[in-house]
Amino acid sequence: MSDRIVLRAARWVDVVAGEVRSPATIVVEGNRIASVDSTEATFMGGCWI
């Protein structure tokens, strides 16, 4: 099982859309970004973060 790190950012740059968005929750699993969610709360691993 890989390590999971959850980062919460006030702002992030969506390079594809050319926009600055806020807020964001970024989930990193191992050495890859698994997901980026622009909502306040995220359900992961059986709990809200």
N, C-alpha and C. Protein backbone atom coordinates (compact mmCIF):
# COMPACT_ATOMS: atom_id res chain seq x y z
N MET A 1 0.84 -1.18 0.00
CA MET A 1 0.00 0.00 0.00
C MET A 1 0.89 1.24 0.00
N SER A 2 0.55 2.19 -0.84
CA SER A 2 1.35 3.42 -0.92
C SER A 2 0.89 4.43 0.13
N ASP A 3 1.79 5.33 0.48
CA ASP A 3 1.45 6.39 1.42
C ASP A 3 0.50 7.37 0.76
N ARG A 4 -0.40 7.92 1.55
CA ARG A 4 -1.35 8.91 1.05
C ARG A 4 -1.14 10.20 1.82
N ILE A 5 -0.99 11.29 1.10
CA ILE A 5 -0.82 12.61 1.69
C ILE A 5 -1.94 13.50 1.17
N VAL A 6 -2.60 14.22 2.07
CA VAL A 6 -3.67 15.14 1.68
C VAL A 6 -3.20 16.56 1.94
N LEU A 7 -3.21 17.38 0.90
CA LEU A 7 -2.80 18.79 0.99
C LEU A 7 -4.02 19.67 0.80
N ARG A 8 -4.14 20.70 1.61
CA ARG A 8 -5.21 21.67 1.43
C ARG A 8 -4.59 22.99 1.02
N ALA A 9 -5.06 23.55 -0.07
CA ALA A 9 -4.48 24.78 -0.61
C ALA A 9 -5.54 25.88 -0.66
N ALA A 10 -5.13 27.09 -0.36
CA ALA A 10 -6.03 28.24 -0.47
C ALA A 10 -6.34 28.53 -1.93
N ARG A 11 -5.31 28.40 -2.77
CA ARG A 11 -5.47 28.64 -4.21
C ARG A 11 -4.59 27.66 -4.98
N TRP A 12 -5.01 27.32 -6.19
CA TRP A 12 -4.19 26.48 -7.07
C TRP A 12 -4.43 26.91 -8.50
N VAL A 13 -3.46 26.67 -9.35
CA VAL A 13 -3.52 27.08 -10.75
C VAL A 13 -3.92 25.88 -11.59
N ASP A 14 -5.04 26.02 -12.30
CA ASP A 14 -5.47 25.02 -13.27
C ASP A 14 -4.88 25.44 -14.62
N VAL A 15 -3.75 24.84 -14.96
CA VAL A 15 -3.01 25.25 -16.16
C VAL A 15 -3.81 24.97 -17.42
N VAL A 16 -4.53 23.85 -17.47
CA VAL A 16 -5.30 23.48 -18.66
C VAL A 16 -6.40 24.50 -18.91
N ALA A 17 -7.12 24.90 -17.85
CA ALA A 17 -8.22 25.85 -18.01
C ALA A 17 -7.73 27.30 -18.01
N GLY A 18 -6.48 27.52 -17.55
CA GLY A 18 -5.95 28.87 -17.48
C GLY A 18 -6.59 29.71 -16.40
N GLU A 19 -6.92 29.08 -15.25
CA GLU A 19 -7.61 29.78 -14.17
C GLU A 19 -6.93 29.52 -12.84
N VAL A 20 -7.11 30.47 -11.92
CA VAL A 20 -6.71 30.27 -10.53
C VAL A 20 -7.98 29.93 -9.78
N ARG A 21 -7.97 28.81 -9.05
CA ARG A 21 -9.17 28.35 -8.34
C ARG A 21 -8.90 28.27 -6.86
N SER A 22 -9.96 28.31 -6.08
CA SER A 22 -9.80 28.16 -4.63
C SER A 22 -11.10 27.64 -4.04
N PRO A 23 -11.02 26.96 -2.94
CA PRO A 23 -9.87 26.27 -2.37
C PRO A 23 -9.66 24.95 -3.08
N ALA A 24 -8.72 24.15 -2.61
CA ALA A 24 -8.47 22.86 -3.24
C ALA A 24 -7.97 21.85 -2.22
N THR A 25 -8.33 20.59 -2.44
CA THR A 25 -7.79 19.47 -1.68
C THR A 25 -7.08 18.59 -2.68
N ILE A 26 -5.79 18.35 -2.46
CA ILE A 26 -4.95 17.59 -3.38
C ILE A 26 -4.52 16.31 -2.67
N VAL A 27 -4.80 15.16 -3.29
CA VAL A 27 -4.45 13.88 -2.70
C VAL A 27 -3.28 13.30 -3.49
N VAL A 28 -2.19 12.98 -2.78
CA VAL A 28 -1.00 12.40 -3.39
C VAL A 28 -0.86 10.98 -2.85
N GLU A 29 -0.78 10.00 -3.76
CA GLU A 29 -0.59 8.61 -3.38
C GLU A 29 0.74 8.14 -3.96
N GLY A 30 1.65 7.76 -3.09
CA GLY A 30 2.99 7.40 -3.55
C GLY A 30 3.68 8.64 -4.07
N ASN A 31 4.03 8.63 -5.36
CA ASN A 31 4.68 9.80 -5.96
C ASN A 31 3.83 10.43 -7.05
N ARG A 32 2.51 10.19 -7.00
CA ARG A 32 1.60 10.73 -8.02
C ARG A 32 0.42 11.45 -7.40
N ILE A 33 -0.07 12.47 -8.10
CA ILE A 33 -1.28 13.15 -7.67
C ILE A 33 -2.45 12.25 -8.05
N ALA A 34 -3.22 11.84 -7.05
CA ALA A 34 -4.35 10.94 -7.28
C ALA A 34 -5.61 11.73 -7.62
N SER A 35 -5.80 12.89 -6.98
CA SER A 35 -6.99 13.69 -7.27
C SER A 35 -6.80 15.12 -6.80
N VAL A 36 -7.55 16.01 -7.45
CA VAL A 36 -7.63 17.41 -7.04
C VAL A 36 -9.11 17.74 -7.01
N ASP A 37 -9.57 18.20 -5.86
CA ASP A 37 -10.98 18.50 -5.67
C ASP A 37 -11.10 19.95 -5.22
N SER A 38 -11.97 20.69 -5.85
CA SER A 38 -12.09 22.11 -5.51
C SER A 38 -13.20 22.39 -4.52
N THR A 39 -13.71 21.36 -3.84
CA THR A 39 -14.74 21.59 -2.83
C THR A 39 -14.12 21.73 -1.46
N GLU A 40 -14.86 22.26 -0.51
CA GLU A 40 -14.36 22.47 0.84
C GLU A 40 -14.05 21.17 1.55
N ALA A 41 -14.94 20.18 1.44
CA ALA A 41 -14.75 18.92 2.17
C ALA A 41 -14.66 17.76 1.18
N THR A 42 -13.87 16.76 1.54
CA THR A 42 -13.67 15.59 0.70
C THR A 42 -13.86 14.34 1.56
N PHE A 43 -14.56 13.34 1.02
CA PHE A 43 -14.74 12.08 1.73
C PHE A 43 -13.67 11.11 1.26
N MET A 44 -12.83 10.63 2.21
CA MET A 44 -11.75 9.74 1.82
C MET A 44 -11.46 8.78 2.96
N GLY A 45 -11.29 7.53 2.62
CA GLY A 45 -10.92 6.55 3.61
C GLY A 45 -11.91 6.43 4.75
N GLY A 46 -13.18 6.63 4.48
CA GLY A 46 -14.18 6.49 5.50
C GLY A 46 -14.39 7.69 6.38
N CYS A 47 -13.76 8.83 6.04
CA CYS A 47 -13.96 10.02 6.87
C CYS A 47 -13.93 11.28 6.01
N TRP A 48 -14.54 12.33 6.52
CA TRP A 48 -14.53 13.63 5.85
C TRP A 48 -13.28 14.39 6.26
N ILE A 49 -12.62 14.99 5.28
CA ILE A 49 -11.44 15.80 5.59
C ILE A 49 -11.67 17.20 5.06
